[in-house]
Protein backbone atom coordinates (compact mmCIF):
# COMPACT_ATOMS: atom_id res chain seq x y z
CA UNK A 1 -0.06 0.23 -0.34
CA UNK A 2 1.62 3.33 -0.78
CA UNK A 3 0.36 6.64 -1.18
CA UNK A 4 1.02 9.62 -3.73
CA UNK A 5 0.20 12.87 -3.22
CA UNK A 6 1.76 16.44 -5.18
CA UNK A 7 2.24 19.61 -2.43
CA UNK A 8 3.75 22.50 -3.08
CA UNK A 9 5.68 21.22 -6.41
CA UNK A 10 6.34 18.25 -5.06
CA UNK A 11 5.76 14.41 -5.94
CA UNK A 12 5.93 12.83 -2.82
CA UNK A 13 5.25 8.88 -1.85
CA UNK A 14 4.44 7.14 0.84
CA UNK A 15 5.07 3.56 1.32
CA UNK A 16 1.76 3.26 4.49
CA UNK A 17 3.63 -0.12 5.75
CA UNK A 18 7.04 0.75 6.73
CA UNK A 19 6.52 4.99 6.71
CA UNK A 20 8.56 5.35 4.49
CA UNK A 21 8.20 9.01 2.03
CA UNK A 22 9.82 9.42 -0.81
CA UNK A 23 10.41 12.44 -2.88
CA UNK A 24 10.30 11.50 -6.34
CA UNK A 25 10.61 13.23 -9.85
CA UNK A 26 7.87 13.06 -12.45
CA UNK A 27 8.83 10.87 -13.97
CA UNK A 28 8.65 8.30 -11.18
CA UNK A 29 5.55 9.04 -10.13
CA UNK A 30 3.46 8.81 -13.11
CA UNK A 31 5.12 5.50 -13.29
CA UNK A 32 3.69 4.22 -10.28
CA UNK A 33 0.85 4.45 -11.20
CA UNK A 34 0.74 0.93 -13.43
CA UNK A 35 3.93 -0.86 -11.17
CA UNK A 36 3.77 -3.82 -9.58
CA UNK A 37 6.72 -4.85 -7.68
CA UNK A 38 8.43 -7.84 -9.55
CA UNK A 39 6.09 -7.56 -12.14
CA UNK A 40 7.10 -6.67 -16.22
CA UNK A 41 7.23 -3.08 -15.84
CA UNK A 42 7.75 -1.05 -18.51
CA UNK A 43 8.93 2.80 -18.57
CA UNK A 44 12.52 4.92 -17.65
CA UNK A 45 14.83 2.24 -15.93
CA UNK A 46 16.38 4.03 -13.82
CA UNK A 47 12.89 5.13 -12.08
CA UNK A 48 12.38 1.58 -11.88
CA UNK A 49 15.70 0.67 -11.22
CA UNK A 50 15.58 2.77 -8.24
CA UNK A 51 12.14 1.27 -7.12
CA UNK A 52 13.20 -2.19 -7.60
CA UNK A 53 15.92 -1.04 -4.61
CA UNK A 54 13.51 0.88 -2.53
CA UNK A 55 10.72 -2.84 -2.66
CA UNK A 56 13.77 -4.41 -1.84
CA UNK A 57 14.96 -2.55 1.28
CA UNK A 58 11.42 -2.47 2.28
CA UNK A 59 10.50 1.08 1.68
CA UNK A 60 8.33 0.88 -0.79
CA UNK A 61 5.05 -1.69 -0.60
CA UNK A 62 6.80 -3.05 1.82
CA UNK A 63 4.67 -6.06 3.92
CA UNK A 64 2.18 -5.76 6.23
CA UNK A 65 3.78 -5.69 9.70
CA UNK A 66 2.92 -8.52 12.12
CA UNK A 67 0.24 -7.29 15.60
CA UNK A 68 -1.37 -8.82 17.93
CA UNK A 69 -5.00 -7.26 16.83
CA UNK A 70 -5.31 -5.18 20.12
CA UNK A 71 -3.88 -3.95 23.02
CA UNK A 72 -2.59 -5.75 25.04
CA UNK A 73 -1.91 -3.54 28.18
CA UNK A 74 -5.19 -2.71 30.13
CA UNK A 75 -2.91 -0.63 32.52
CA UNK A 76 -4.28 2.83 33.59
CA UNK A 77 -1.54 5.46 33.28
CA UNK A 78 -3.59 8.75 32.36
CA UNK A 79 -6.52 10.84 34.47
CA UNK A 80 -8.70 14.00 33.13
CA UNK A 81 -9.58 15.19 37.05
CA UNK A 82 -12.93 17.47 35.49
CA UNK A 83 -12.02 19.52 39.38
CA UNK A 84 -14.80 21.51 37.99
CA UNK A 85 -17.91 21.78 36.07
CA UNK A 86 -18.18 25.09 36.54
CA UNK A 87 -17.21 27.94 34.08
CA UNK A 88 -16.41 31.83 34.31
CA UNK A 89 -16.67 31.58 30.95
CA UNK A 90 -19.04 29.34 28.82
CA UNK A 91 -18.16 29.63 25.40
CA UNK A 92 -21.48 29.34 22.73
CA UNK A 93 -19.38 25.94 21.36
CA UNK A 94 -17.99 23.82 24.34
CA UNK A 95 -18.85 20.47 23.82
CA UNK A 96 -19.03 20.24 27.29
CA UNK A 97 -22.29 21.76 27.69
CA UNK A 98 -20.42 24.62 29.16
CA UNK A 99 -18.92 22.51 31.32
CA UNK A 100 -22.24 20.49 32.27
CA UNK A 101 -21.54 17.50 30.63
CA UNK A 102 -24.85 15.94 29.58
CA UNK A 103 -25.43 16.51 33.58
CA UNK A 104 -28.16 18.96 34.98
CA UNK A 105 -26.54 20.00 37.72
CA UNK A 106 -23.21 21.71 38.20
CA UNK A 107 -19.85 21.61 41.11
CA UNK A 108 -17.18 21.32 42.55
CA UNK A 109 -14.58 18.01 42.89
CA UNK A 110 -14.01 17.87 46.91
CA UNK A 111 -10.42 17.24 48.22
CA UNK A 112 -11.44 13.88 48.71
CA UNK A 113 -12.66 12.77 45.88
CA UNK A 114 -9.39 14.50 44.11
CA UNK A 115 -7.27 11.81 46.45
CA UNK A 116 -9.04 9.11 46.13
CA UNK A 117 -8.75 9.61 41.76
CA UNK A 118 -4.72 10.08 43.07
CA UNK A 119 -5.05 6.62 45.05
CA UNK A 120 -6.79 4.52 42.01
CA UNK A 121 -5.00 5.80 39.54
CA UNK A 122 -1.29 4.41 41.29
CA UNK A 123 -3.57 0.93 42.36
CA UNK A 124 -4.31 0.80 38.19
CA UNK A 125 -0.95 1.76 37.06
CA UNK A 126 0.68 -1.73 36.77
CA UNK A 127 4.32 -1.55 36.48
CA UNK A 128 3.96 1.90 34.76
CA UNK A 129 6.46 4.31 36.08
CA UNK A 130 5.52 7.77 34.96
CA UNK A 131 1.65 8.97 34.97
CA UNK A 132 0.07 11.57 34.63
CA UNK A 133 -2.86 13.80 35.49
CA UNK A 134 -4.33 16.79 33.82
CA UNK A 135 -6.94 18.88 36.08
CA UNK A 136 -9.29 19.93 33.45
CA UNK A 137 -13.22 21.70 33.72
CA UNK A 138 -15.49 23.45 32.82
CA UNK A 139 -13.17 26.15 34.19
CA UNK A 140 -9.98 24.17 36.40
CA UNK A 141 -8.62 28.02 38.24
CA UNK A 142 -12.31 27.91 40.12
CA UNK A 143 -11.23 24.88 42.49
CA UNK A 144 -7.61 25.80 42.22
CA UNK A 145 -7.23 24.66 46.56
CA UNK A 146 -8.54 21.39 45.13
CA UNK A 147 -5.37 20.58 42.26
CA UNK A 148 -3.42 22.42 45.04
CA UNK A 149 -4.02 19.51 47.59
CA UNK A 150 -3.97 16.93 44.83
CA UNK A 151 -0.46 17.51 43.85
CA UNK A 152 0.39 17.18 47.64
CA UNK A 153 -0.95 14.47 47.62
CA UNK A 154 0.27 12.59 44.93
CA UNK A 155 3.50 14.24 45.81
CA UNK A 156 3.95 12.81 49.78
CA UNK A 157 2.46 9.08 48.46
CA UNK A 158 4.31 8.50 44.88
CA UNK A 159 7.41 8.07 45.86
CA UNK A 160 6.68 5.07 48.08
CA UNK A 161 4.73 4.14 45.18
CA UNK A 162 7.53 4.03 42.84
CA UNK A 163 5.48 6.44 40.82
CA UNK A 164 6.03 9.61 39.38
CA UNK A 165 3.10 11.70 38.25
CA UNK A 166 3.26 14.67 35.60
CA UNK A 167 0.46 17.82 35.99
CA UNK A 168 -1.44 19.29 33.34
CA UNK A 169 -4.27 22.13 33.40
CA UNK A 170 -5.71 23.15 30.64
CA UNK A 171 -7.33 27.11 31.53
CA UNK A 172 -8.90 29.82 30.26
CA UNK A 173 -7.15 32.21 31.59
CA UNK A 174 -9.55 34.64 33.32
CA UNK A 175 -8.53 33.87 36.95
CA UNK A 176 -4.57 33.46 35.55
CA UNK A 177 -2.91 36.29 38.40
CA UNK A 178 0.85 35.89 39.91
CA UNK A 179 0.21 33.67 42.50
CA UNK A 180 -1.93 31.30 40.26
CA UNK A 181 0.73 31.35 37.73
CA UNK A 182 4.07 31.02 39.78
CA UNK A 183 2.26 27.79 41.08
CA UNK A 184 1.16 26.44 37.81
CA UNK A 185 5.07 27.26 36.88
CA UNK A 186 6.27 25.15 39.28
CA UNK A 187 4.68 22.37 39.07
CA UNK A 188 2.44 21.35 35.96
CA UNK A 189 4.81 20.03 33.01
CA UNK A 190 2.13 21.16 30.72
CA UNK A 191 -0.63 24.45 30.23
CA UNK A 192 -3.42 24.98 27.61
CA UNK A 193 -4.26 27.91 27.57
CA UNK A 194 -7.35 28.84 25.49
CA UNK A 195 -7.57 31.85 22.69
CA UNK A 196 -9.14 31.32 19.65
CA UNK A 197 -7.11 33.85 17.14
CA UNK A 198 -8.17 36.77 16.08
CA UNK A 199 -9.33 39.82 18.53
CA UNK A 200 -13.25 39.15 16.62
CA UNK A 201 -13.05 35.99 16.25
CA UNK A 202 -12.17 34.83 19.37
CA UNK A 203 -14.36 37.33 21.57
CA UNK A 204 -17.30 35.89 19.01
CA UNK A 205 -16.60 32.60 20.29
CA UNK A 206 -15.76 32.91 23.89
CA UNK A 207 -17.39 36.53 25.15
CA UNK A 208 -16.88 40.25 25.13
CA UNK A 209 -13.82 41.84 25.74
CA UNK A 210 -12.07 38.22 26.72
CA UNK A 211 -9.38 38.59 23.79
CA UNK A 212 -8.50 42.10 25.26
CA UNK A 213 -8.18 40.50 28.49
CA UNK A 214 -6.31 37.56 27.71
CA UNK A 215 -3.79 37.99 24.90
CA UNK A 216 -0.29 39.55 26.27
CA UNK A 217 -1.11 38.11 30.04
CA UNK A 218 -1.11 35.23 28.23
CA UNK A 219 1.68 36.50 25.39
CA UNK A 220 3.74 36.34 28.99
CA UNK A 221 3.10 33.46 30.43
CA UNK A 222 4.64 31.29 27.64
CA UNK A 223 7.37 33.97 27.52
CA UNK A 224 7.71 32.33 30.94
CA UNK A 225 7.65 29.05 29.94
CA UNK A 226 10.86 29.76 27.42
CA UNK A 227 7.97 29.11 24.73
CA UNK A 228 7.53 25.41 25.68
CA UNK A 229 5.30 22.62 27.30
CA UNK A 230 2.45 24.31 26.72
CA UNK A 231 -0.21 25.47 24.04
CA UNK A 232 -1.94 27.92 22.71
CA UNK A 233 -5.21 26.20 22.38
CA UNK A 234 -7.95 27.12 19.57
CA UNK A 235 -11.64 25.91 17.88
CA UNK A 236 -12.08 27.46 14.76
CA UNK A 237 -15.78 26.96 12.88
CA UNK A 238 -18.13 27.49 10.58
CA UNK A 239 -17.05 31.15 11.44
CA UNK A 240 -13.78 30.94 10.47
CA UNK A 241 -12.59 28.25 8.33
CA UNK A 242 -9.98 30.58 7.27
CA UNK A 243 -8.56 29.56 10.68
CA UNK A 244 -5.13 30.30 8.78
CA UNK A 245 -4.66 34.28 9.69
CA UNK A 246 -5.77 32.90 13.29
CA UNK A 247 -3.09 30.60 13.45
CA UNK A 248 -0.69 33.28 11.94
CA UNK A 249 -2.14 36.24 14.07
CA UNK A 250 -0.85 34.14 17.73
CA UNK A 251 2.57 33.35 16.42
CA UNK A 252 2.80 37.26 15.25
CA UNK A 253 1.83 37.72 19.39
CA UNK A 254 4.69 35.74 19.86
CA UNK A 255 3.89 32.61 20.19
CA UNK A 256 5.96 29.25 19.59
CA UNK A 257 3.35 26.60 20.03
CA UNK A 258 0.05 26.66 18.70
CA UNK A 259 -3.10 24.41 17.70
CA UNK A 260 -6.45 25.38 16.61
CA UNK A 261 -8.50 22.45 16.39
CA UNK A 262 -11.70 21.87 14.39
CA UNK A 263 -14.81 22.79 15.90
CA UNK A 264 -16.98 18.88 17.60
CA UNK A 265 -19.96 17.82 16.15
CA UNK A 266 -21.93 21.29 16.87
CA UNK A 267 -25.73 22.28 15.76
CA UNK A 268 -26.87 25.30 14.22
CA UNK A 269 -24.67 28.05 12.88
CA UNK A 270 -20.83 27.06 14.14
CA UNK A 271 -20.89 23.11 12.64
CA UNK A 272 -18.61 22.98 9.60
CA UNK A 273 -20.13 21.03 7.21
CA UNK A 274 -18.77 20.10 3.33
CA UNK A 275 -19.45 23.58 2.00
CA UNK A 276 -16.55 24.69 4.44
CA UNK A 277 -13.70 21.65 3.31
CA UNK A 278 -12.44 23.26 0.26
CA UNK A 279 -11.19 26.61 1.86
CA UNK A 280 -10.13 24.55 5.38
CA UNK A 281 -7.69 22.45 2.92
CA UNK A 282 -6.63 25.72 1.63
CA UNK A 283 -5.79 27.17 4.38
CA UNK A 284 -3.77 23.81 5.72
CA UNK A 285 -1.47 24.51 2.89
CA UNK A 286 -1.05 28.29 4.20
CA UNK A 287 -0.08 27.22 6.75
CA UNK A 288 2.56 24.66 5.73
CA UNK A 289 4.05 26.63 3.24
CA UNK A 290 4.53 30.46 5.81
CA UNK A 291 5.84 27.36 8.26
CA UNK A 292 9.02 26.57 6.05
CA UNK A 293 9.30 29.92 5.24
CA UNK A 294 9.07 31.34 8.97
CA UNK A 295 11.90 28.86 9.59
CA UNK A 296 13.70 29.82 6.95
CA UNK A 297 14.17 33.12 8.83
CA UNK A 298 14.67 32.14 12.15
CA UNK A 299 11.21 32.92 13.17
CA UNK A 300 9.18 29.16 13.29
CA UNK A 301 6.94 27.85 15.76
CA UNK A 302 5.07 23.94 16.19
CA UNK A 303 1.16 24.02 14.99
CA UNK A 304 0.10 20.75 15.95
CA UNK A 305 -1.47 18.59 14.15
CA UNK A 306 1.71 19.09 11.63
CA UNK A 307 3.77 17.28 13.89
CA UNK A 308 5.00 14.60 13.43
CA UNK A 309 8.16 12.36 14.44
CA UNK A 310 9.42 9.80 11.74
CA UNK A 311 12.27 8.32 13.52
CA UNK A 312 10.66 7.61 16.97
CA UNK A 313 6.97 6.74 16.12
CA UNK A 314 5.03 4.87 19.36
CA UNK A 315 4.89 0.94 18.53
CA UNK A 316 2.75 -0.20 16.16
CA UNK A 317 -0.11 -1.68 18.79
CA UNK A 318 -0.17 1.19 19.55
CA UNK A 319 -0.46 3.90 16.10
CA UNK A 320 -3.32 1.19 15.45
CA UNK A 321 -5.01 2.01 18.77
CA UNK A 322 -4.56 5.29 19.40
CA UNK A 323 -5.20 7.58 22.90
CA UNK A 324 -6.21 4.45 25.03
CA UNK A 325 -9.54 5.95 26.08
CA UNK A 326 -11.23 3.59 28.12
CA UNK A 327 -7.78 1.20 29.61
CA UNK A 328 -4.69 4.17 29.76
CA UNK A 329 -6.76 6.57 29.55
CA UNK A 330 -9.94 8.21 31.71
CA UNK A 331 -11.55 11.07 32.87
CA UNK A 332 -12.90 11.43 36.36
CA UNK A 333 -16.55 13.38 36.58
CA UNK A 334 -16.64 15.72 40.21
CA UNK A 335 -18.36 12.89 41.98
CA UNK A 336 -15.79 10.29 40.68
CA UNK A 337 -17.29 8.54 38.47
CA UNK A 338 -15.09 7.15 35.35
CA UNK A 339 -15.78 7.93 31.78
CA UNK A 340 -12.98 6.53 29.20
CA UNK A 341 -12.51 10.67 28.38
CA UNK A 342 -13.23 14.24 29.02
CA UNK A 343 -15.74 14.11 25.91
CA UNK A 344 -17.22 10.69 27.07
CA UNK A 345 -17.67 12.15 30.45
CA UNK A 346 -21.77 12.45 32.01
CA UNK A 347 -22.66 10.16 29.09
CA UNK A 348 -24.47 7.04 30.91
CA UNK A 349 -23.83 4.75 28.38
CA UNK A 350 -19.58 5.14 29.32
CA UNK A 351 -19.64 4.81 33.26
CA UNK A 352 -17.04 2.54 34.06
CA UNK A 353 -17.48 2.95 37.39
CA UNK A 354 -15.70 5.08 39.80
CA UNK A 355 -12.46 6.03 41.80
CA UNK A 356 -13.82 5.02 45.39
CA UNK A 357 -15.23 1.29 43.93
CA UNK A 358 -12.80 1.12 40.28
CA UNK A 359 -14.25 -0.49 37.34
CA UNK A 360 -17.48 -2.18 37.61
CA UNK A 361 -18.24 -2.55 33.53
CA UNK A 362 -14.79 -4.72 32.29
CA UNK A 363 -17.42 -4.36 29.16
CA UNK A 364 -16.26 -1.47 28.10
CA UNK A 365 -12.74 -1.14 28.57
CA UNK A 366 -12.73 -3.70 26.69
CA UNK A 367 -14.90 -2.88 23.70
CA UNK A 368 -13.03 0.45 23.03
CA UNK A 369 -9.26 -1.50 23.63
CA UNK A 370 -10.22 -4.29 21.04
CA UNK A 371 -11.80 -0.80 18.62
CA UNK A 372 -8.57 -0.17 16.34
CA UNK A 373 -7.79 0.52 12.56
CA UNK A 374 -7.19 -3.20 12.23
CA UNK A 375 -10.69 -4.42 13.41
CA UNK A 376 -12.24 -1.22 11.44
CA UNK A 377 -13.73 -1.87 7.82
CA UNK A 378 -14.08 1.37 7.42
CA UNK A 379 -10.25 2.48 8.73
CA UNK A 380 -8.13 -1.02 7.39
CA UNK A 381 -7.54 -0.13 3.28
CA UNK A 382 -6.93 4.42 4.61
CA UNK A 383 -3.38 5.02 3.35
CA UNK A 384 -3.52 7.17 7.20
CA UNK A 385 -4.76 4.76 9.36
CA UNK A 386 -0.94 4.11 11.29
CA UNK A 387 -0.94 8.05 11.57
CA UNK A 388 -4.83 8.38 12.67
CA UNK A 389 -4.81 5.75 14.55
CA UNK A 390 -8.78 5.84 13.43
CA UNK A 391 -8.85 9.26 14.23
CA UNK A 392 -11.61 10.27 18.03
CA UNK A 393 -13.28 7.86 18.73
CA UNK A 394 -15.59 10.60 20.91
CA UNK A 395 -15.54 12.98 17.43
CA UNK A 396 -16.74 9.34 15.70
CA UNK A 397 -19.50 8.94 18.35
CA UNK A 398 -20.36 12.50 19.07
CA UNK A 399 -21.37 12.93 15.02
CA UNK A 400 -22.14 9.31 14.41
CA UNK A 401 -23.69 7.79 17.33
CA UNK A 402 -21.40 4.88 17.00
CA UNK A 403 -17.36 4.45 18.30
CA UNK A 404 -16.41 2.75 14.92
CA UNK A 405 -18.27 4.91 12.90
CA UNK A 406 -15.69 7.70 11.81
CA UNK A 407 -16.38 11.23 11.43
CA UNK A 408 -16.53 11.98 7.50
CA UNK A 409 -15.31 15.22 7.79
CA UNK A 410 -12.76 14.21 10.36
CA UNK A 411 -11.10 12.42 7.73
CA UNK A 412 -10.69 14.67 5.27
CA UNK A 413 -9.37 16.78 7.58
CA UNK A 414 -6.56 14.84 9.42
CA UNK A 415 -5.33 13.01 5.87
CA UNK A 416 -4.86 16.69 4.40
CA UNK A 417 -3.32 17.93 8.16
CA UNK A 418 -0.66 14.33 7.05
CA UNK A 419 0.22 15.21 3.33
CA UNK A 420 0.99 18.70 5.63
CA UNK A 421 3.19 17.10 7.61
CA UNK A 422 4.45 14.61 5.65
CA UNK A 423 5.62 17.71 3.02
CA UNK A 424 7.08 19.53 6.07
CA UNK A 425 9.40 16.40 6.73
CA UNK A 426 10.38 15.90 4.08
CA UNK A 427 11.05 19.20 2.52
CA UNK A 428 13.01 19.82 6.13
CA UNK A 429 15.26 17.47 5.30
CA UNK A 430 16.14 18.16 1.82
CA UNK A 431 17.64 21.77 2.90
CA UNK A 432 19.40 19.70 5.66
CA UNK A 433 21.29 17.40 2.62
C-alpha cells in the first residue's frame, strides 16, 4: 500500500506499511500508477531500477506489519480530573455543555474525591513509572485549592509507590494572577491556554472583551515558560474557516506552540459542513508554506497538527489503537465517576465505574481496546490509518453515534493535515542535505 500526492510542487510517496517517505521526480511519480513489484514493468529504466531497489529494501510496497490486533496492556497511565463542572466563560461551541457534561447539576470536585482519583491511578497503573494527571473543567481554576491539595497529596505518596506523576492544566485564563501563574509554572509539566486567534473571532466565540483581557497575559505566560511545555489552543468553526489567519495571528503575538482545532460535532451556525472543506484544506496548505518560510527566517513555530515524529514514532500496537481512552486514559467527574475520556464524560452508556470502587463495567474498556484500525473495515484500507489511529472515537460517537464509524469530515481534514506534515518533514530533510 502506498499513497502518492503532490504538495507545493513536490511529488511525494508514502509507503504506508513501512512509513518511509520518498520525494520523487514526475517520471517516477507517474510510473507508480502502473508499477507492480516483481512484475513486468515498463517505463524509464533508471526510475524502475530505483523503485526495484526500494522494494528490495522494504521501503516501498512493504508487507503489512505483524500485530496482535488489539492493545495488550490495559493498565491506566493517565487521568483527566474534571475538578470543576462550573465555568466562568461558557463558550458557544463548548463540547462539554459549558462544563455541565450532559448533567443537570454542576459543582466542584472535593479534595477527598481528587485524592481517591490519585489512589485509583496508582493502584491501576501496573508497573508504569510515569503517570499523568490533567486538571480540566469547566474551568479548573475555579477549584484551585483542590488542585493544589491534589498535587500535594500525589507528591507525598508517589515516591513510595514507585511512581512519577506529571501534572497538566487547561485553563481559559480569566483567573490567572501572579500567585497562580507561579504555582502552575512550578508544578505543571504542561499548560493549555484557550484563545481562538484574532480579536473578532475570539470574542465572537468566547465573549466580548476576552481577547483584550487575555492575549497579552498569555503571551507573558508563554515567555515565562521559555516558549515550551504549553499550547495556546483555539477552535475554528464555520465562522472562521480561514483559520490560518488566526494561527498566524497567534504566531505574530509571539506564541511558538499553537493548536487550532476544528469544532466538535456542533449544531447550528457554528457547525462545519462539506461546503467549508475546500477553504479549510487551502488554509492547511497556507499554514504549511508559511511555517517553512518562517523557519528559514528563524521565526518558526510549532503547529500541533503538523507535528510528526518520523524517527521515534509509537510502537505499532499503539499506532493502530490511538489514545487509549477507557483502558489507559480515563476521565473523572466531580463526584468520582469514571468515563473513557473527557468527551464521553456524563454519557450514561459509557460509565465505567468510580474512583472509590474501581471498574464496575469491564466490558466498556474491553470494547474500546478492540476499537482499532485493523478491526475496522472503514479504516483498514485507508493510507492514513497508522498515523491517525482511526481518529478520535469520541468525535465519531458525537457525530455518528458509533465509535466504529469515523467522522467523515474529520477524516478528510486529518488526511490533509498528514499530507502537510509529511511535506514539511520532507522539505526540512531536503534543506538539511
